[in-house]
């Protein structure tokens, strides 16, 4: 066999394959959660055998945790990019302005990237598992610290920001299309004037 006709199969580095598996796992776990997602389905999505997945992740739970942590990391990266953009466009932007920009970027993300939202919800739903609960709690706390580092938010401001974010998660999950209006509604704190559509 000549060098021209000889076919060689290029090996994909384990680190790259691991990243690909995590990305595929994010999509699959977002749809059917920890217990409803077979590892074989994730493996087939990437084009590897199930035993290979377990050579990189000891258990399905480990793969789930890696996917959830990647999801939180993507939100933190989104916030970093948003804060950087505001600072580049507006010198001396206040903490309130930075928080508003982060909130806007998150709302747009909810509309454009439903799997990230659903993965968050699946992560919370899986917290009856103590190990998963520990990892999700740590990721959530890291997200809060990241927002404070980016904006200088006080604890009260952070609590309000996170509360509105969680409320928006619910609104997006149930299909409320106009999240801008939803955020305006919660900002007014005027419950008496709101009506519920039946």
N, C-alpha and C. Protein backbone atom coordinates (compact mmCIF):
# COMPACT_ATOMS: atom_id res chain seq x y z
N UNK A 1 0.85 -1.18 0.00
CA UNK A 1 0.00 0.00 0.00
C UNK A 1 0.89 1.24 0.00
N UNK A 2 0.65 2.14 -0.94
CA UNK A 2 1.48 3.33 -1.06
C UNK A 2 1.06 4.37 -0.05
N UNK A 3 1.92 5.38 0.10
CA UNK A 3 1.61 6.45 1.03
C UNK A 3 0.38 7.23 0.58
N UNK A 4 0.15 7.23 -0.79
CA UNK A 4 -0.98 7.98 -1.31
C UNK A 4 -2.29 7.28 -0.98
N UNK A 5 -2.29 5.94 -1.09
CA UNK A 5 -3.53 5.21 -0.89
C UNK A 5 -3.75 4.78 0.55
N UNK A 6 -2.72 4.80 1.34
CA UNK A 6 -2.84 4.36 2.73
C UNK A 6 -3.74 5.32 3.52
N UNK A 7 -4.75 4.76 4.15
CA UNK A 7 -5.68 5.57 4.93
C UNK A 7 -5.25 5.53 6.40
N UNK A 8 -5.17 6.67 6.99
CA UNK A 8 -4.82 6.74 8.41
C UNK A 8 -5.97 7.38 9.17
N UNK A 9 -6.28 6.82 10.28
CA UNK A 9 -7.34 7.37 11.13
C UNK A 9 -6.71 8.28 12.17
N UNK A 10 -7.14 9.53 12.16
CA UNK A 10 -6.59 10.48 13.12
C UNK A 10 -7.27 10.30 14.47
N UNK A 11 -6.45 10.21 15.47
CA UNK A 11 -6.98 10.07 16.83
C UNK A 11 -7.39 11.44 17.36
N UNK A 12 -8.55 11.48 17.96
CA UNK A 12 -9.01 12.71 18.60
C UNK A 12 -8.48 12.71 20.02
N UNK A 13 -7.79 13.79 20.43
CA UNK A 13 -7.26 13.83 21.80
C UNK A 13 -8.37 13.65 22.82
N UNK A 14 -8.03 12.98 23.91
CA UNK A 14 -9.03 12.69 24.94
C UNK A 14 -9.67 13.97 25.48
N UNK A 15 -8.88 15.03 25.63
CA UNK A 15 -9.43 16.29 26.17
C UNK A 15 -10.48 16.86 25.22
N UNK A 16 -10.20 16.77 23.93
CA UNK A 16 -11.16 17.28 22.94
C UNK A 16 -12.42 16.42 22.92
N UNK A 17 -12.24 15.10 22.99
CA UNK A 17 -13.38 14.21 23.02
C UNK A 17 -14.21 14.42 24.28
N UNK A 18 -13.53 14.70 25.39
CA UNK A 18 -14.23 14.96 26.65
C UNK A 18 -15.11 16.20 26.51
N UNK A 19 -14.57 17.27 25.91
CA UNK A 19 -15.35 18.48 25.70
C UNK A 19 -16.57 18.21 24.82
N UNK A 20 -16.36 17.42 23.78
CA UNK A 20 -17.46 17.09 22.87
C UNK A 20 -18.55 16.30 23.60
N UNK A 21 -18.13 15.38 24.44
CA UNK A 21 -19.09 14.62 25.23
C UNK A 21 -19.87 15.51 26.20
N UNK A 22 -19.19 16.43 26.83
CA UNK A 22 -19.87 17.34 27.76
C UNK A 22 -20.91 18.18 27.01
N UNK A 23 -20.54 18.68 25.84
CA UNK A 23 -21.48 19.48 25.06
C UNK A 23 -22.70 18.66 24.64
N UNK A 24 -22.45 17.42 24.22
CA UNK A 24 -23.56 16.54 23.85
C UNK A 24 -24.41 16.21 25.07
N UNK A 25 -23.76 16.00 26.20
CA UNK A 25 -24.49 15.68 27.43
C UNK A 25 -25.37 16.86 27.86
N UNK A 26 -24.89 18.08 27.68
CA UNK A 26 -25.70 19.25 28.01
C UNK A 26 -27.01 19.23 27.24
N UNK A 27 -26.92 18.93 25.95
CA UNK A 27 -28.13 18.90 25.11
C UNK A 27 -29.08 17.78 25.55
N UNK A 28 -28.52 16.61 25.79
CA UNK A 28 -29.37 15.46 26.13
C UNK A 28 -29.96 15.56 27.53
N UNK A 29 -29.13 15.92 28.51
CA UNK A 29 -29.64 16.05 29.87
C UNK A 29 -30.67 17.18 29.98
N UNK A 30 -30.52 18.21 29.16
CA UNK A 30 -31.48 19.31 29.18
C UNK A 30 -32.88 18.81 28.81
N UNK A 31 -32.94 17.82 27.94
CA UNK A 31 -34.23 17.30 27.48
C UNK A 31 -34.83 16.32 28.47
N UNK A 32 -34.03 15.38 28.95
CA UNK A 32 -34.62 14.28 29.73
C UNK A 32 -34.01 14.08 31.11
N UNK A 33 -33.13 14.96 31.53
CA UNK A 33 -32.64 14.92 32.89
C UNK A 33 -31.66 13.80 33.18
N UNK A 34 -31.25 13.73 34.42
CA UNK A 34 -30.26 12.74 34.85
C UNK A 34 -30.78 11.33 34.67
N UNK A 35 -31.94 11.05 35.20
CA UNK A 35 -32.43 9.67 35.22
C UNK A 35 -33.03 9.22 33.89
N UNK A 36 -33.48 10.17 33.09
CA UNK A 36 -34.13 9.80 31.83
C UNK A 36 -33.21 9.78 30.63
N UNK A 37 -31.93 10.03 30.84
CA UNK A 37 -30.99 10.11 29.72
C UNK A 37 -30.02 8.93 29.76
N UNK A 38 -30.11 8.00 28.80
CA UNK A 38 -29.14 6.91 28.77
C UNK A 38 -27.79 7.40 28.26
N UNK A 39 -26.73 6.92 28.88
CA UNK A 39 -25.39 7.31 28.44
C UNK A 39 -25.15 6.89 27.00
N UNK A 40 -25.74 5.78 26.60
CA UNK A 40 -25.55 5.31 25.23
C UNK A 40 -26.04 6.33 24.21
N UNK A 41 -27.09 7.06 24.55
CA UNK A 41 -27.61 8.07 23.63
C UNK A 41 -26.62 9.21 23.46
N UNK A 42 -25.96 9.59 24.55
CA UNK A 42 -24.93 10.63 24.47
C UNK A 42 -23.74 10.12 23.66
N UNK A 43 -23.35 8.89 23.91
CA UNK A 43 -22.22 8.30 23.18
C UNK A 43 -22.50 8.26 21.68
N UNK A 44 -23.70 7.82 21.32
CA UNK A 44 -24.05 7.73 19.90
C UNK A 44 -24.07 9.11 19.25
N UNK A 45 -24.48 10.10 19.99
CA UNK A 45 -24.52 11.47 19.46
C UNK A 45 -23.12 11.94 19.07
N UNK A 46 -22.12 11.49 19.83
CA UNK A 46 -20.74 11.88 19.58
C UNK A 46 -20.04 10.92 18.62
N UNK A 47 -20.59 9.71 18.50
CA UNK A 47 -19.97 8.72 17.62
C UNK A 47 -18.92 7.86 18.29
N UNK A 48 -19.13 7.60 19.60
CA UNK A 48 -18.21 6.72 20.33
C UNK A 48 -19.04 5.63 21.00
N UNK A 49 -18.34 4.61 21.47
CA UNK A 49 -19.01 3.53 22.20
C UNK A 49 -19.21 3.94 23.66
N UNK A 50 -20.25 3.39 24.27
CA UNK A 50 -20.54 3.72 25.66
C UNK A 50 -19.35 3.45 26.60
N UNK A 51 -18.62 2.34 26.44
CA UNK A 51 -17.48 2.12 27.33
C UNK A 51 -16.44 3.24 27.27
N UNK A 52 -16.32 3.88 26.11
CA UNK A 52 -15.37 4.99 26.00
C UNK A 52 -15.80 6.15 26.89
N UNK A 53 -17.10 6.40 26.96
CA UNK A 53 -17.60 7.47 27.83
C UNK A 53 -17.18 7.20 29.27
N UNK A 54 -17.31 5.94 29.68
CA UNK A 54 -16.97 5.60 31.06
C UNK A 54 -15.46 5.54 31.30
N UNK A 55 -14.69 5.59 30.24
CA UNK A 55 -13.25 5.73 30.42
C UNK A 55 -12.87 7.17 30.76
N UNK A 56 -13.76 8.11 30.43
CA UNK A 56 -13.51 9.52 30.72
C UNK A 56 -14.31 10.02 31.93
N UNK A 57 -15.47 9.43 32.16
CA UNK A 57 -16.33 9.79 33.30
C UNK A 57 -16.72 8.50 34.01
N UNK A 58 -16.37 8.40 35.27
CA UNK A 58 -16.57 7.14 35.98
C UNK A 58 -18.03 6.72 36.04
N UNK A 59 -18.94 7.71 36.14
CA UNK A 59 -20.37 7.41 36.26
C UNK A 59 -21.16 8.41 35.42
N UNK A 60 -22.42 8.07 35.19
CA UNK A 60 -23.31 9.02 34.51
C UNK A 60 -23.46 10.29 35.35
N UNK A 61 -23.47 10.13 36.66
CA UNK A 61 -23.58 11.29 37.53
C UNK A 61 -22.41 12.25 37.32
N UNK A 62 -21.20 11.71 37.14
CA UNK A 62 -20.02 12.56 36.90
C UNK A 62 -20.18 13.34 35.60
N UNK A 63 -20.71 12.69 34.57
CA UNK A 63 -20.93 13.36 33.30
C UNK A 63 -22.01 14.44 33.45
N UNK A 64 -23.06 14.14 34.20
CA UNK A 64 -24.12 15.11 34.46
C UNK A 64 -23.56 16.33 35.17
N UNK A 65 -22.75 16.11 36.19
CA UNK A 65 -22.15 17.22 36.94
C UNK A 65 -21.28 18.07 36.02
N UNK A 66 -20.49 17.42 35.17
CA UNK A 66 -19.63 18.16 34.24
C UNK A 66 -20.48 19.01 33.29
N UNK A 67 -21.60 18.46 32.83
CA UNK A 67 -22.49 19.21 31.94
C UNK A 67 -23.11 20.40 32.65
N UNK A 68 -23.57 20.19 33.87
CA UNK A 68 -24.19 21.27 34.64
C UNK A 68 -23.17 22.37 34.92
N UNK A 69 -21.98 21.99 35.33
CA UNK A 69 -20.95 22.99 35.62
C UNK A 69 -20.58 23.77 34.36
N UNK A 70 -20.54 23.10 33.21
CA UNK A 70 -20.28 23.80 31.95
C UNK A 70 -21.40 24.81 31.67
N UNK A 71 -22.64 24.43 31.96
CA UNK A 71 -23.75 25.35 31.76
C UNK A 71 -23.62 26.61 32.60
N UNK A 72 -23.26 26.45 33.87
CA UNK A 72 -23.04 27.61 34.73
C UNK A 72 -21.87 28.44 34.22
N UNK A 73 -20.83 27.77 33.75
CA UNK A 73 -19.66 28.48 33.23
C UNK A 73 -20.04 29.34 32.02
N UNK A 74 -20.89 28.83 31.16
CA UNK A 74 -21.33 29.59 30.00
C UNK A 74 -22.09 30.85 30.41
N UNK A 75 -22.90 30.74 31.46
CA UNK A 75 -23.61 31.92 31.96
C UNK A 75 -22.62 32.94 32.50
N UNK A 76 -21.61 32.48 33.23
CA UNK A 76 -20.61 33.41 33.76
C UNK A 76 -19.84 34.08 32.63
N UNK A 77 -19.53 33.34 31.58
CA UNK A 77 -18.83 33.93 30.43
C UNK A 77 -19.72 34.96 29.75
N UNK A 78 -21.01 34.66 29.65
CA UNK A 78 -21.96 35.62 29.09
C UNK A 78 -21.96 36.91 29.89
N UNK A 79 -21.98 36.78 31.21
CA UNK A 79 -21.98 37.97 32.07
C UNK A 79 -20.68 38.75 31.92
N UNK A 80 -19.56 38.05 31.84
CA UNK A 80 -18.27 38.73 31.67
C UNK A 80 -18.23 39.52 30.38
N UNK A 81 -18.71 38.91 29.30
CA UNK A 81 -18.73 39.59 28.00
C UNK A 81 -19.65 40.80 28.03
N UNK A 82 -20.78 40.66 28.69
CA UNK A 82 -21.73 41.76 28.78
C UNK A 82 -21.14 42.92 29.56
N UNK A 83 -20.52 42.63 30.70
CA UNK A 83 -19.92 43.69 31.50
C UNK A 83 -18.78 44.37 30.75
N UNK A 84 -17.98 43.59 30.04
CA UNK A 84 -16.86 44.15 29.28
C UNK A 84 -17.38 45.07 28.17
N UNK A 85 -18.47 44.68 27.53
CA UNK A 85 -19.03 45.50 26.47
C UNK A 85 -19.54 46.83 27.01
N UNK A 86 -20.24 46.78 28.15
CA UNK A 86 -20.75 48.01 28.76
C UNK A 86 -19.59 48.93 29.12
N UNK A 87 -18.55 48.38 29.73
CA UNK A 87 -17.41 49.21 30.13
C UNK A 87 -16.71 49.83 28.94
N UNK A 88 -16.66 49.09 27.82
CA UNK A 88 -16.00 49.63 26.63
C UNK A 88 -16.82 50.73 25.97
N UNK A 89 -18.14 50.68 26.15
CA UNK A 89 -19.02 51.67 25.53
C UNK A 89 -19.32 52.84 26.44
N UNK A 90 -19.18 52.64 27.74
CA UNK A 90 -19.59 53.65 28.70
C UNK A 90 -18.59 53.69 29.85
N UNK A 91 -17.69 54.63 29.81
CA UNK A 91 -16.69 54.76 30.86
C UNK A 91 -17.39 55.12 32.18
N UNK A 92 -16.95 54.48 33.24
CA UNK A 92 -17.51 54.79 34.55
C UNK A 92 -18.93 54.29 34.74
N UNK A 93 -19.29 53.20 34.05
CA UNK A 93 -20.63 52.63 34.21
C UNK A 93 -20.85 52.25 35.67
N UNK A 94 -22.02 52.55 36.17
CA UNK A 94 -22.33 52.26 37.57
C UNK A 94 -22.65 50.78 37.75
N UNK A 95 -22.64 50.35 39.00
CA UNK A 95 -22.99 48.96 39.31
C UNK A 95 -24.39 48.62 38.86
N UNK A 96 -25.32 49.56 39.04
CA UNK A 96 -26.70 49.34 38.62
C UNK A 96 -26.79 49.15 37.11
N UNK A 97 -26.03 49.96 36.38
CA UNK A 97 -26.03 49.83 34.91
C UNK A 97 -25.44 48.50 34.47
N UNK A 98 -24.40 48.07 35.17
CA UNK A 98 -23.80 46.77 34.84
C UNK A 98 -24.76 45.63 35.15
N UNK A 99 -25.43 45.71 36.29
CA UNK A 99 -26.42 44.68 36.63
C UNK A 99 -27.54 44.63 35.60
N UNK A 100 -27.98 45.79 35.16
CA UNK A 100 -29.04 45.83 34.15
C UNK A 100 -28.57 45.20 32.85
N UNK A 101 -27.32 45.45 32.48
CA UNK A 101 -26.78 44.86 31.25
C UNK A 101 -26.67 43.35 31.36
N UNK A 102 -26.24 42.88 32.52
CA UNK A 102 -26.17 41.43 32.74
C UNK A 102 -27.56 40.81 32.67
N UNK A 103 -28.53 41.48 33.27
CA UNK A 103 -29.89 40.99 33.22
C UNK A 103 -30.43 40.92 31.80
N UNK A 104 -30.14 41.96 31.01
CA UNK A 104 -30.58 41.96 29.61
C UNK A 104 -29.95 40.81 28.84
N UNK A 105 -28.66 40.61 29.05
CA UNK A 105 -27.97 39.54 28.31
C UNK A 105 -28.54 38.18 28.70
N UNK A 106 -28.92 38.03 29.98
CA UNK A 106 -29.48 36.76 30.42
C UNK A 106 -30.86 36.53 29.81
N UNK A 107 -31.68 37.59 29.75
CA UNK A 107 -32.99 37.45 29.13
C UNK A 107 -32.87 37.02 27.67
N UNK A 108 -31.95 37.64 26.95
CA UNK A 108 -31.76 37.28 25.54
C UNK A 108 -31.25 35.85 25.41
N UNK A 109 -30.41 35.43 26.36
CA UNK A 109 -29.91 34.05 26.34
C UNK A 109 -31.03 33.05 26.55
N UNK A 110 -31.96 33.38 27.45
CA UNK A 110 -33.09 32.48 27.70
C UNK A 110 -33.91 32.28 26.44
N UNK A 111 -34.05 33.35 25.66
CA UNK A 111 -34.83 33.26 24.43
C UNK A 111 -34.08 32.50 23.34
N UNK A 112 -32.76 32.64 23.31
CA UNK A 112 -31.97 32.08 22.20
C UNK A 112 -31.41 30.70 22.49
N UNK A 113 -31.29 30.33 23.76
CA UNK A 113 -30.61 29.08 24.10
C UNK A 113 -31.41 28.33 25.15
N UNK A 114 -32.53 27.76 24.73
CA UNK A 114 -33.40 27.04 25.67
C UNK A 114 -32.71 25.87 26.37
N UNK A 115 -31.80 25.11 25.70
CA UNK A 115 -31.16 24.01 26.42
C UNK A 115 -30.40 24.44 27.68
N UNK A 116 -29.78 25.62 27.66
CA UNK A 116 -29.08 26.08 28.86
C UNK A 116 -30.07 26.28 30.00
N UNK A 117 -31.22 26.87 29.68
CA UNK A 117 -32.27 27.05 30.69
C UNK A 117 -32.74 25.71 31.23
N UNK A 118 -33.06 24.78 30.32
CA UNK A 118 -33.61 23.50 30.75
C UNK A 118 -32.59 22.69 31.53
N UNK A 119 -31.31 22.82 31.18
CA UNK A 119 -30.27 22.12 31.93
C UNK A 119 -30.21 22.63 33.36
N UNK A 120 -30.37 23.95 33.54
CA UNK A 120 -30.41 24.49 34.90
C UNK A 120 -31.56 23.86 35.69
N UNK A 121 -32.72 23.80 35.07
CA UNK A 121 -33.88 23.24 35.77
C UNK A 121 -33.68 21.77 36.10
N UNK A 122 -33.06 21.04 35.17
CA UNK A 122 -32.76 19.62 35.43
C UNK A 122 -31.75 19.48 36.55
N UNK A 123 -30.81 20.42 36.63
CA UNK A 123 -29.81 20.38 37.71
C UNK A 123 -30.48 20.53 39.06
N UNK A 124 -31.40 21.48 39.18
CA UNK A 124 -32.10 21.68 40.45
C UNK A 124 -32.96 20.46 40.78
N UNK A 125 -33.58 19.89 39.76
CA UNK A 125 -34.44 18.72 39.98
C UNK A 125 -33.65 17.51 40.46
N UNK A 126 -32.37 17.45 40.12
CA UNK A 126 -31.54 16.30 40.50
C UNK A 126 -30.88 16.47 41.86
N UNK A 127 -31.20 17.55 42.56
CA UNK A 127 -30.51 17.85 43.82
C UNK A 127 -30.96 16.99 45.00
N UNK A 128 -31.83 16.01 44.75
CA UNK A 128 -32.07 15.05 45.82
C UNK A 128 -30.86 14.15 46.01
N UNK A 129 -29.99 14.10 44.99
CA UNK A 129 -28.70 13.41 45.10
C UNK A 129 -27.73 14.36 45.82
N UNK A 130 -27.20 13.93 46.95
CA UNK A 130 -26.38 14.81 47.78
C UNK A 130 -25.13 15.30 47.05
N UNK A 131 -24.49 14.43 46.26
CA UNK A 131 -23.28 14.82 45.55
C UNK A 131 -23.61 15.89 44.51
N UNK A 132 -24.68 15.66 43.76
CA UNK A 132 -25.09 16.66 42.77
C UNK A 132 -25.47 17.95 43.45
N UNK A 133 -26.20 17.87 44.56
CA UNK A 133 -26.60 19.08 45.29
C UNK A 133 -25.38 19.89 45.71
N UNK A 134 -24.34 19.22 46.15
CA UNK A 134 -23.11 19.92 46.56
C UNK A 134 -22.49 20.67 45.39
N UNK A 135 -22.43 20.03 44.23
CA UNK A 135 -21.84 20.66 43.05
C UNK A 135 -22.70 21.80 42.52
N UNK A 136 -24.00 21.59 42.49
CA UNK A 136 -24.90 22.64 41.99
C UNK A 136 -24.85 23.84 42.93
N UNK A 137 -24.85 23.60 44.23
CA UNK A 137 -24.76 24.68 45.20
C UNK A 137 -23.47 25.47 45.03
N UNK A 138 -22.36 24.76 44.84
CA UNK A 138 -21.07 25.44 44.65
C UNK A 138 -21.07 26.27 43.37
N UNK A 139 -21.64 25.73 42.29
CA UNK A 139 -21.70 26.46 41.03
C UNK A 139 -22.58 27.69 41.15
N UNK A 140 -23.67 27.56 41.88
CA UNK A 140 -24.60 28.67 42.08
C UNK A 140 -23.93 29.78 42.90
N UNK A 141 -23.21 29.39 43.94
CA UNK A 141 -22.50 30.37 44.75
C UNK A 141 -21.40 31.06 43.94
N UNK A 142 -20.72 30.29 43.10
CA UNK A 142 -19.67 30.88 42.26
C UNK A 142 -20.28 31.90 41.30
N UNK A 143 -21.44 31.59 40.75
CA UNK A 143 -22.12 32.52 39.87
C UNK A 143 -22.43 33.83 40.60
N UNK A 144 -22.92 33.72 41.83
CA UNK A 144 -23.22 34.92 42.61
C UNK A 144 -21.97 35.75 42.88
N UNK A 145 -20.89 35.07 43.26
CA UNK A 145 -19.63 35.80 43.51
C UNK A 145 -19.15 36.48 42.23
N UNK A 146 -19.34 35.81 41.10
CA UNK A 146 -18.90 36.37 39.82
C UNK A 146 -19.68 37.64 39.49
N UNK A 147 -20.99 37.62 39.72
CA UNK A 147 -21.81 38.81 39.47
C UNK A 147 -21.35 39.95 40.37
N UNK A 148 -21.08 39.67 41.63
CA UNK A 148 -20.62 40.71 42.55
C UNK A 148 -19.26 41.26 42.12
N UNK A 149 -18.37 40.39 41.67
CA UNK A 149 -17.05 40.83 41.23
C UNK A 149 -17.15 41.73 40.00
N UNK A 150 -18.09 41.41 39.11
CA UNK A 150 -18.24 42.19 37.88
C UNK A 150 -18.90 43.54 38.12
N UNK A 151 -19.82 43.59 39.09
CA UNK A 151 -20.67 44.78 39.24
C UNK A 151 -20.49 45.53 40.55
N UNK A 152 -19.87 44.90 41.52
CA UNK A 152 -19.78 45.53 42.84
C UNK A 152 -21.10 45.52 43.58
N UNK A 153 -22.00 44.63 43.20
CA UNK A 153 -23.33 44.58 43.81
C UNK A 153 -23.24 44.26 45.29
N UNK A 154 -24.13 44.89 46.06
CA UNK A 154 -24.26 44.55 47.47
C UNK A 154 -24.97 43.20 47.58
N UNK A 155 -24.99 42.66 48.78
CA UNK A 155 -25.69 41.39 48.98
C UNK A 155 -27.18 41.53 48.65
N UNK A 156 -27.78 42.66 49.04
CA UNK A 156 -29.20 42.87 48.74
C UNK A 156 -29.43 42.98 47.24
N UNK A 157 -28.56 43.70 46.55
CA UNK A 157 -28.69 43.82 45.09
C UNK A 157 -28.51 42.46 44.41
N UNK A 158 -27.57 41.69 44.92
CA UNK A 158 -27.34 40.36 44.34
C UNK A 158 -28.56 39.47 44.56
N UNK A 159 -29.12 39.52 45.76
CA UNK A 159 -30.31 38.71 46.05
C UNK A 159 -31.45 39.07 45.10
N UNK A 160 -31.63 40.35 44.86
CA UNK A 160 -32.70 40.78 43.95
C UNK A 160 -32.40 40.33 42.52
N UNK A 161 -31.15 40.47 42.10
CA UNK A 161 -30.75 40.07 40.75
C UNK A 161 -30.98 38.58 40.53
N UNK A 162 -30.55 37.76 41.50
CA UNK A 162 -30.71 36.31 41.38
C UNK A 162 -32.18 35.93 41.44
N UNK A 163 -32.94 36.60 42.31
CA UNK A 163 -34.37 36.30 42.41
C UNK A 163 -35.09 36.57 41.10
N UNK A 164 -34.80 37.70 40.49
CA UNK A 164 -35.42 38.02 39.21
C UNK A 164 -34.98 37.01 38.15
N UNK A 165 -33.70 36.63 38.19
CA UNK A 165 -33.20 35.63 37.22
C UNK A 165 -33.94 34.30 37.34
N UNK A 166 -34.18 33.86 38.58
CA UNK A 166 -34.89 32.61 38.77
C UNK A 166 -36.35 32.74 38.33
N UNK A 167 -36.94 33.89 38.60
CA UNK A 167 -38.32 34.13 38.16
C UNK A 167 -38.40 34.11 36.63
N UNK A 168 -37.39 34.70 35.98
CA UNK A 168 -37.35 34.68 34.51
C UNK A 168 -37.17 33.26 33.99
N UNK A 169 -36.41 32.44 34.71
CA UNK A 169 -36.27 31.03 34.32
C UNK A 169 -37.64 30.36 34.23
N UNK A 170 -38.47 30.61 35.25
CA UNK A 170 -39.80 30.00 35.26
C UNK A 170 -40.63 30.54 34.10
N UNK A 171 -40.58 31.87 33.90
CA UNK A 171 -41.35 32.47 32.82
C UNK A 171 -40.93 31.90 31.46
N UNK A 172 -39.63 31.74 31.26
CA UNK A 172 -39.14 31.19 29.99
C UNK A 172 -39.53 29.73 29.85
N UNK A 173 -39.47 28.99 30.96
CA UNK A 173 -39.78 27.55 30.91
C UNK A 173 -41.23 27.30 30.54
N UNK A 174 -42.14 28.18 31.01
CA UNK A 174 -43.55 27.97 30.71
C UNK A 174 -43.98 28.66 29.42
N UNK A 175 -43.01 29.28 28.73
CA UNK A 175 -43.28 29.79 27.40
C UNK A 175 -43.73 31.23 27.32
N UNK A 176 -43.45 32.02 28.37
CA UNK A 176 -43.75 33.45 28.27
C UNK A 176 -42.78 34.08 27.29
N UNK A 177 -43.28 34.52 26.15
CA UNK A 177 -42.41 35.01 25.09
C UNK A 177 -41.82 36.38 25.42
N UNK A 178 -42.61 37.25 26.05
CA UNK A 178 -42.18 38.63 26.27
C UNK A 178 -41.52 38.77 27.63
N UNK A 179 -40.27 38.35 27.71
CA UNK A 179 -39.57 38.42 28.99
C UNK A 179 -39.23 39.85 29.38
N UNK A 180 -39.11 40.74 28.41
CA UNK A 180 -38.88 42.15 28.74
C UNK A 180 -40.05 42.70 29.55
N UNK A 181 -41.26 42.38 29.12
CA UNK A 181 -42.44 42.82 29.85
C UNK A 181 -42.49 42.17 31.23
N UNK A 182 -42.09 40.90 31.27
CA UNK A 182 -42.08 40.20 32.56
C UNK A 182 -41.12 40.86 33.54
N UNK A 183 -39.96 41.24 33.04
CA UNK A 183 -38.97 41.87 33.92
C UNK A 183 -39.46 43.24 34.37
N UNK A 184 -40.13 43.96 33.47
CA UNK A 184 -40.69 45.25 33.84
C UNK A 184 -41.75 45.07 34.93
N UNK A 185 -42.55 44.02 34.80
CA UNK A 185 -43.59 43.72 35.78
C UNK A 185 -43.00 43.49 37.16
N UNK A 186 -41.94 42.70 37.24
CA UNK A 186 -41.37 42.41 38.56
C UNK A 186 -40.65 43.64 39.10
N UNK A 187 -40.13 44.48 38.20
CA UNK A 187 -39.44 45.68 38.64
C UNK A 187 -40.38 46.70 39.26
N UNK A 188 -41.63 46.75 38.78
CA UNK A 188 -42.60 47.72 39.31
C UNK A 188 -43.12 47.32 40.69
N UNK A 189 -43.05 46.02 41.01
CA UNK A 189 -43.54 45.53 42.30
C UNK A 189 -45.03 45.86 42.50
N UNK A 190 -45.76 45.97 41.41
CA UNK A 190 -47.15 46.39 41.51
C UNK A 190 -48.05 45.19 41.25
N UNK A 191 -48.20 44.33 42.22
CA UNK A 191 -48.95 43.11 42.04
C UNK A 191 -50.44 43.37 41.83
N UNK A 192 -50.95 44.42 42.41
CA UNK A 192 -52.39 44.64 42.39
C UNK A 192 -52.91 44.90 40.98
N UNK A 193 -52.08 45.51 40.13
CA UNK A 193 -52.53 45.87 38.79
C UNK A 193 -52.32 44.77 37.78
N UNK A 194 -51.76 43.63 38.21
CA UNK A 194 -51.47 42.56 37.26
C UNK A 194 -52.65 41.62 37.13
N UNK A 195 -52.88 41.15 35.92
CA UNK A 195 -53.92 40.16 35.68
C UNK A 195 -53.28 38.91 35.17
N UNK A 196 -53.92 37.79 35.44
CA UNK A 196 -53.41 36.50 35.02
C UNK A 196 -54.25 36.02 33.86
N UNK A 197 -53.63 35.67 32.74
CA UNK A 197 -54.34 35.16 31.60
C UNK A 197 -54.73 33.71 31.83
N UNK A 198 -55.96 33.34 31.59
CA UNK A 198 -56.44 31.99 31.76
C UNK A 198 -56.69 31.37 30.41
